[in-house]
Amino acid sequence: EEGRRGGREEEGGGGSRKEEGSRGGGRQAPRRLRKRRPPRRLAAKKKAAEETAKKKAAEEEAARKKAAEEAAKKKAAEEAAKKKAEEEAAKKKAGEEAAKKKAAEEEAARKKAAEEAAKKKAEEEAAKRKAVEEAAKKKAAEEAAKKKAEEEAAKKKAAEEAARKKAEEEAAKRKAVEEAAKKKAAEEAAKKKAEEEAAKKKAEEDAAKKKAAEEAAKKKAEEEAAAKKAAAEAAAKKAEEEAAAKKAAEEAAAKREEEEAAARKAAEEAAAKKAAEEAKRVAEEEAAARKASEEAAARKAAEEAAAAKKAEEEAAAKKA
């Protein structure tokens, strides 16, 4: 068949001899060649199957390896994302802590700087006043009479300056205290608001939990009632079925007893009938035997009489 189709397999033909060419259409190959071809075809098919199996195994291995790599990449990406999220959270927390710390440090530094500036200004004012006083004393010593009024005016002015400076310092202190009090009050208000929000949220959650618990209890009670009702109905149904089964069993037992009694009666009647028939058969056989015996005796007597008569006739004939 392959020879008739012609052509090599790789050229699109049916696998004939090489002399037939790639176009095919040659005559059928000799038997000696046809006998040797199947093993080669089987080997080629086997080799092709092995190549296909190897290729398929390689593809499956590559697919498995690729899937493992994809899974590893995915896992690594997830781990990296998780790590990044943790780092972001840690960074955010550290930033918040640093911001809080920085704000506190800046506030402390500002307060300290204000105190230092006030102290320095006071020292400068004191030094200035002292220098003015020294100069005034010196000038007053030189011009005691003339400068006395000026000294009094300078002292008065210095006193006014000191009073003004002291008033400013007191005002600054009061302002700082008021700012601190305002800040503390704001913090207390924020804390109180947060606590109120938390309490409100907790109350809402408790109410929701209580409602859910009530719903669950109600549902459980309904389910228990339904289960109890179903159990009662099942028990009633079971009792009815047991009663029906018991009644059916009793009826079946009564029917079976009746059938057994009828069967026993029929058996007894059949046995009596059979015995009567057997007795009748025996009597008939005995009567037939007696009749046959009587007939045999009659035949024997007749034969004996005939024989005696014949003997007498023969004797008479002989005598005559």
Protein backbone atom coordinates (compact mmCIF):
# COMPACT_ATOMS: atom_id res chain seq x y z
CA GLU A 1 0.00 0.00 0.00
CA GLU A 2 2.86 2.38 0.81
CA GLY A 3 4.56 1.41 -2.46
CA ARG A 4 1.45 2.31 -4.46
CA ARG A 5 1.19 5.73 -2.85
CA GLY A 6 4.92 6.29 -3.32
CA GLY A 7 7.19 9.01 -2.13
CA ARG A 8 9.29 9.28 1.02
CA GLU A 9 7.57 10.18 4.25
CA GLU A 10 9.59 13.36 4.77
CA GLU A 11 8.71 14.47 1.24
CA GLY A 12 4.97 13.98 1.76
CA GLY A 13 4.72 10.53 0.14
CA GLY A 14 3.74 7.18 1.55
CA GLY A 15 7.19 5.76 2.27
CA SER A 16 8.16 3.79 -0.88
CA ARG A 17 11.66 2.98 -2.14
CA LYS A 18 14.22 5.73 -2.45
CA GLU A 19 14.37 5.19 -6.22
CA GLU A 20 10.78 6.37 -6.49
CA GLY A 21 11.80 9.93 -5.64
CA SER A 22 10.01 12.61 -3.67
CA ARG A 23 7.12 12.79 -6.15
CA GLY A 24 5.93 9.27 -5.30
CA GLY A 25 3.66 7.19 -7.46
CA GLY A 26 6.05 4.23 -7.90
CA ARG A 27 5.17 0.61 -8.11
CA GLN A 28 4.81 -1.59 -5.06
CA ALA A 29 8.13 -2.52 -3.48
CA PRO A 30 9.34 -6.15 -3.63
CA ARG A 31 8.37 -8.44 -0.78
CA ARG A 32 11.93 -8.66 0.53
CA LEU A 33 11.99 -4.89 0.94
CA ARG A 34 8.47 -4.77 2.40
CA LYS A 35 9.50 -7.29 5.02
CA ARG A 36 12.44 -5.18 6.14
CA ARG A 37 10.59 -1.83 6.14
CA PRO A 38 8.23 -2.26 9.12
CA PRO A 39 11.03 -2.50 11.69
CA ARG A 40 12.56 0.72 10.32
CA ARG A 41 9.18 2.43 10.42
CA LEU A 42 8.59 1.16 13.94
CA ALA A 43 12.05 2.34 14.99
CA ALA A 44 11.37 5.73 13.40
CA LYS A 45 7.97 5.93 15.10
CA LYS A 46 9.52 4.83 18.39
CA LYS A 47 12.31 7.39 18.00
CA ALA A 48 9.77 10.10 17.10
CA ALA A 49 7.65 9.10 20.11
CA GLU A 50 10.73 9.22 22.35
CA GLU A 51 11.68 12.61 20.91
CA THR A 52 8.11 13.84 21.46
CA ALA A 53 8.13 12.45 25.02
CA LYS A 54 11.52 14.05 25.70
CA LYS A 55 10.34 17.34 24.21
CA LYS A 56 7.11 17.17 26.22
CA ALA A 57 9.05 16.32 29.40
CA ALA A 58 11.45 19.19 28.70
CA GLU A 59 8.51 21.55 28.08
CA GLU A 60 6.78 20.34 31.26
CA GLU A 61 10.04 20.73 33.21
CA ALA A 62 10.51 24.23 31.73
CA ALA A 63 6.89 25.11 32.55
CA ARG A 64 7.29 23.74 36.09
CA LYS A 65 10.58 25.62 36.49
CA LYS A 66 8.98 28.78 35.09
CA ALA A 67 5.98 28.38 37.43
CA ALA A 68 8.37 27.85 40.36
CA GLU A 69 10.34 30.95 39.33
CA GLU A 70 7.11 32.94 38.95
CA ALA A 71 5.97 31.73 42.39
CA ALA A 72 9.39 32.60 43.86
CA LYS A 73 9.28 36.04 42.17
CA LYS A 74 5.74 36.59 43.41
CA LYS A 75 6.71 35.51 46.93
CA ALA A 76 9.82 37.72 46.83
CA ALA A 77 7.70 40.63 45.57
CA GLU A 78 5.18 40.04 48.36
CA GLU A 79 7.99 39.83 50.93
CA ALA A 80 9.57 43.00 49.51
CA ALA A 81 6.19 44.79 49.54
CA LYS A 82 5.59 43.63 53.11
CA LYS A 83 9.10 44.68 54.16
CA LYS A 84 8.69 48.02 52.36
CA ALA A 85 5.32 48.59 54.08
CA GLU A 86 6.91 47.77 57.45
CA GLU A 87 9.83 50.08 56.69
CA GLU A 88 7.41 52.82 55.57
CA ALA A 89 5.40 52.36 58.78
CA ALA A 90 8.59 52.39 60.89
CA LYS A 91 9.86 55.43 58.96
CA LYS A 92 6.51 57.18 59.40
CA LYS A 93 6.48 56.38 63.12
CA ALA A 94 10.09 57.51 63.48
CA GLY A 95 9.24 60.70 61.54
CA GLU A 96 6.30 61.39 63.84
CA GLU A 97 8.43 60.72 66.93
CA ALA A 98 11.21 62.91 65.52
CA ALA A 99 8.70 65.67 64.68
CA LYS A 100 7.26 65.50 68.20
CA LYS A 101 10.74 65.49 69.72
CA LYS A 102 11.87 68.31 67.43
CA ALA A 103 8.79 70.40 68.29
CA ALA A 104 9.41 69.82 72.01
CA GLU A 105 13.10 70.66 71.63
CA GLU A 106 12.28 73.77 69.58
CA GLU A 107 9.75 74.88 72.19
CA ALA A 108 12.27 74.28 74.99
CA ALA A 109 15.01 76.04 72.99
CA ARG A 110 12.69 78.97 72.24
CA LYS A 111 11.72 79.22 75.89
CA LYS A 112 15.35 78.94 76.99
CA ALA A 113 16.44 81.50 74.37
CA ALA A 114 13.71 83.86 75.54
CA GLU A 115 14.86 83.41 79.13
CA GLU A 116 18.52 83.88 78.14
CA ALA A 117 17.64 86.98 76.09
CA ALA A 118 15.63 88.40 78.98
CA LYS A 119 18.46 87.62 81.41
CA LYS A 120 21.07 89.11 79.05
CA LYS A 121 18.92 92.19 78.50
CA ALA A 122 18.50 92.56 82.24
CA GLU A 123 22.25 92.21 82.76
CA GLU A 124 22.90 94.74 79.99
CA GLU A 125 20.37 97.12 81.46
CA ALA A 126 21.91 96.60 84.88
CA ALA A 127 25.40 97.20 83.49
CA LYS A 128 24.11 100.22 81.61
CA ARG A 129 22.41 101.51 84.72
CA LYS A 130 25.52 100.85 86.75
CA ALA A 131 27.66 102.70 84.19
CA VAL A 132 25.19 105.57 84.13
CA GLU A 133 25.14 105.61 87.90
CA GLU A 134 28.94 105.55 88.07
CA ALA A 135 29.11 108.34 85.54
CA ALA A 136 26.40 110.19 87.36
CA LYS A 137 28.20 109.71 90.68
CA LYS A 138 31.45 110.85 89.17
CA LYS A 139 29.80 113.81 87.50
CA ALA A 140 27.83 114.50 90.66
CA ALA A 141 31.03 114.48 92.67
CA GLU A 142 32.44 117.01 90.27
CA GLU A 143 29.28 119.04 90.02
CA ALA A 144 27.54 118.11 93.24
CA ALA A 145 25.27 121.03 93.49
CA LYS A 146 24.57 121.39 89.79
CA LYS A 147 23.98 117.76 89.04
CA LYS A 148 21.95 116.85 92.10
CA ALA A 149 18.72 117.63 90.32
CA GLU A 150 19.94 115.74 87.25
CA GLU A 151 20.90 112.77 89.41
CA GLU A 152 17.49 112.77 90.97
CA ALA A 153 15.96 112.94 87.52
CA ALA A 154 18.30 110.16 86.31
CA LYS A 155 17.44 108.01 89.34
CA LYS A 156 13.78 108.64 88.76
CA LYS A 157 14.17 107.79 85.08
CA ALA A 158 16.20 104.68 85.92
CA ALA A 159 13.52 103.66 88.38
CA GLU A 160 10.87 104.18 85.74
CA GLU A 161 12.94 102.17 83.23
CA ALA A 162 13.40 99.40 85.77
CA ALA A 163 9.72 99.44 86.58
CA ARG A 164 8.87 99.38 82.88
CA LYS A 165 11.37 96.58 82.23
CA LYS A 166 10.07 94.65 85.20
CA ALA A 167 6.53 95.18 83.96
CA GLU A 168 7.57 93.95 80.50
CA GLU A 169 9.27 90.90 82.03
CA GLU A 170 6.21 90.20 84.14
CA ALA A 171 4.00 90.59 81.04
CA ALA A 172 6.29 88.25 79.06
CA LYS A 173 6.17 85.71 81.89
CA ARG A 174 2.39 86.01 82.12
CA LYS A 175 2.12 85.63 78.32
CA ALA A 176 4.34 82.53 78.38
CA VAL A 177 2.28 81.09 81.23
CA GLU A 178 -0.93 81.90 79.35
CA GLU A 179 0.45 80.29 76.15
CA ALA A 180 1.45 77.19 78.10
CA ALA A 181 -1.96 77.12 79.78
CA LYS A 182 -3.70 77.52 76.39
CA LYS A 183 -1.57 74.76 74.89
CA LYS A 184 -2.23 72.48 77.85
CA ALA A 185 -5.96 73.29 77.69
CA ALA A 186 -5.98 72.52 73.94
CA GLU A 187 -4.18 69.23 74.59
CA GLU A 188 -6.59 68.39 77.41
CA ALA A 189 -9.55 69.25 75.13
CA ALA A 190 -8.13 67.12 72.31
CA LYS A 191 -7.49 64.26 74.73
CA LYS A 192 -10.97 64.61 76.20
CA LYS A 193 -12.49 64.70 72.70
CA ALA A 194 -10.53 61.59 71.71
CA GLU A 195 -11.67 59.85 74.90
CA GLU A 196 -15.27 60.88 74.21
CA GLU A 197 -14.98 59.63 70.61
CA ALA A 198 -13.48 56.34 71.87
CA ALA A 199 -16.22 56.01 74.50
CA LYS A 200 -18.88 56.76 71.88
CA LYS A 201 -17.34 54.23 69.48
CA LYS A 202 -17.11 51.64 72.25
CA ALA A 203 -20.74 52.27 73.22
CA GLU A 204 -21.79 51.85 69.58
CA GLU A 205 -19.73 48.65 69.31
CA ASP A 206 -21.20 47.35 72.59
CA ALA A 207 -24.70 48.16 71.32
CA ALA A 208 -23.96 46.41 68.02
CA LYS A 209 -22.54 43.38 69.89
CA LYS A 210 -25.56 43.32 72.20
CA LYS A 211 -27.92 43.55 69.22
CA ALA A 212 -26.00 40.79 67.41
CA ALA A 213 -26.10 38.65 70.57
CA GLU A 214 -29.86 39.24 70.91
CA GLU A 215 -30.37 38.38 67.23
CA ALA A 216 -28.24 35.24 67.66
CA ALA A 217 -30.16 34.25 70.82
CA LYS A 218 -33.47 34.85 69.07
CA LYS A 219 -32.34 32.84 66.05
CA LYS A 220 -31.03 30.07 68.32
CA ALA A 221 -34.35 29.98 70.21
CA GLU A 222 -36.26 29.81 66.91
CA GLU A 223 -33.96 27.05 65.67
CA GLU A 224 -34.34 25.14 68.96
CA ALA A 225 -38.14 25.53 68.78
CA ALA A 226 -38.13 24.36 65.17
CA ALA A 227 -35.85 21.43 66.09
CA LYS A 228 -38.09 20.56 69.06
CA LYS A 229 -41.18 20.73 66.84
CA ALA A 230 -39.48 18.61 64.18
CA ALA A 231 -38.41 16.10 66.86
CA ALA A 232 -41.97 15.94 68.23
CA GLU A 233 -43.38 15.47 64.72
CA ALA A 234 -40.74 12.82 63.99
CA ALA A 235 -41.56 11.05 67.29
CA ALA A 236 -45.30 11.15 66.49
CA LYS A 237 -44.66 9.91 62.98
CA LYS A 238 -42.37 7.17 64.32
CA ALA A 239 -45.03 6.12 66.85
CA GLU A 240 -47.64 6.00 64.07
CA GLU A 241 -45.28 4.01 61.87
CA GLU A 242 -44.48 1.61 64.73
CA ALA A 243 -48.21 1.17 65.47
CA ALA A 244 -48.91 0.57 61.78
CA ALA A 245 -45.98 -1.86 61.58
CA LYS A 246 -47.19 -3.69 64.72
CA LYS A 247 -50.73 -3.90 63.32
CA ALA A 248 -49.40 -5.13 59.97
CA ALA A 249 -47.23 -7.71 61.78
CA GLU A 250 -50.22 -8.92 63.82
CA GLU A 251 -52.37 -9.14 60.68
CA ALA A 252 -49.58 -10.95 58.86
CA ALA A 253 -49.19 -13.37 61.80
CA ALA A 254 -52.96 -14.03 61.87
CA LYS A 255 -53.02 -14.51 58.11
CA ARG A 256 -49.99 -16.81 58.33
CA GLU A 257 -51.67 -18.89 61.05
CA GLU A 258 -54.84 -19.14 58.91
CA GLU A 259 -52.77 -20.14 55.90
CA GLU A 260 -50.86 -22.71 57.95
CA ALA A 261 -54.14 -24.14 59.33
CA ALA A 262 -55.59 -24.28 55.82
CA ALA A 263 -52.39 -25.90 54.58
CA ARG A 264 -52.48 -28.48 57.42
CA LYS A 265 -56.15 -29.21 56.70
CA ALA A 266 -55.47 -29.53 52.97
CA ALA A 267 -52.50 -31.81 53.72
CA GLU A 268 -54.61 -33.98 56.03
CA GLU A 269 -57.40 -34.17 53.43
CA ALA A 270 -54.87 -34.99 50.73
CA ALA A 271 -53.32 -37.66 52.97
CA ALA A 272 -56.75 -39.17 53.73
CA LYS A 273 -57.67 -39.09 50.04
CA LYS A 274 -54.34 -40.67 49.13
CA ALA A 275 -54.81 -43.39 51.78
CA ALA A 276 -58.33 -44.12 50.49
CA GLU A 277 -57.04 -44.29 46.93
CA GLU A 278 -54.19 -46.57 48.04
CA ALA A 279 -56.62 -48.87 49.88
CA LYS A 280 -58.91 -48.93 46.84
CA ARG A 281 -55.94 -49.71 44.57
CA VAL A 282 -54.79 -52.54 46.87
CA ALA A 283 -58.31 -53.99 47.00
CA GLU A 284 -58.59 -53.78 43.23
CA GLU A 285 -55.19 -55.45 42.82
CA GLU A 286 -56.15 -58.21 45.28
CA ALA A 287 -59.48 -58.74 43.45
CA ALA A 288 -57.66 -58.86 40.11
CA ALA A 289 -55.16 -61.34 41.56
CA ARG A 290 -57.93 -63.53 42.91
CA LYS A 291 -59.73 -63.40 39.58
CA ALA A 292 -56.53 -64.26 37.72
CA SER A 293 -55.86 -67.13 40.14
CA GLU A 294 -59.40 -68.45 39.71
CA GLU A 295 -59.14 -68.17 35.92
CA ALA A 296 -55.79 -70.01 35.99
CA ALA A 297 -57.28 -72.77 38.16
CA ALA A 298 -60.27 -73.07 35.81
CA ARG A 299 -57.95 -73.21 32.79
CA LYS A 300 -55.82 -75.86 34.51
CA ALA A 301 -58.89 -77.93 35.41
CA ALA A 302 -60.20 -77.66 31.84
CA GLU A 303 -56.82 -78.65 30.46
CA GLU A 304 -56.60 -81.60 32.86
CA ALA A 305 -60.17 -82.69 31.92
CA ALA A 306 -59.34 -82.39 28.21
CA ALA A 307 -56.14 -84.39 28.72
CA ALA A 308 -58.00 -87.12 30.65
CA LYS A 309 -60.70 -87.23 28.00
CA LYS A 310 -58.07 -87.45 25.25
CA ALA A 311 -56.27 -90.24 27.12
CA GLU A 312 -59.50 -92.13 27.53
CA GLU A 313 -60.26 -91.68 23.83
CA GLU A 314 -56.77 -92.81 22.89
CA ALA A 315 -57.08 -95.84 25.21
CA ALA A 316 -60.48 -96.69 23.74
CA ALA A 317 -59.15 -96.32 20.22
CA LYS A 318 -56.16 -98.50 21.08
CA LYS A 319 -58.38 -101.04 22.67
CA ALA A 320 -60.71 -101.00 19.69
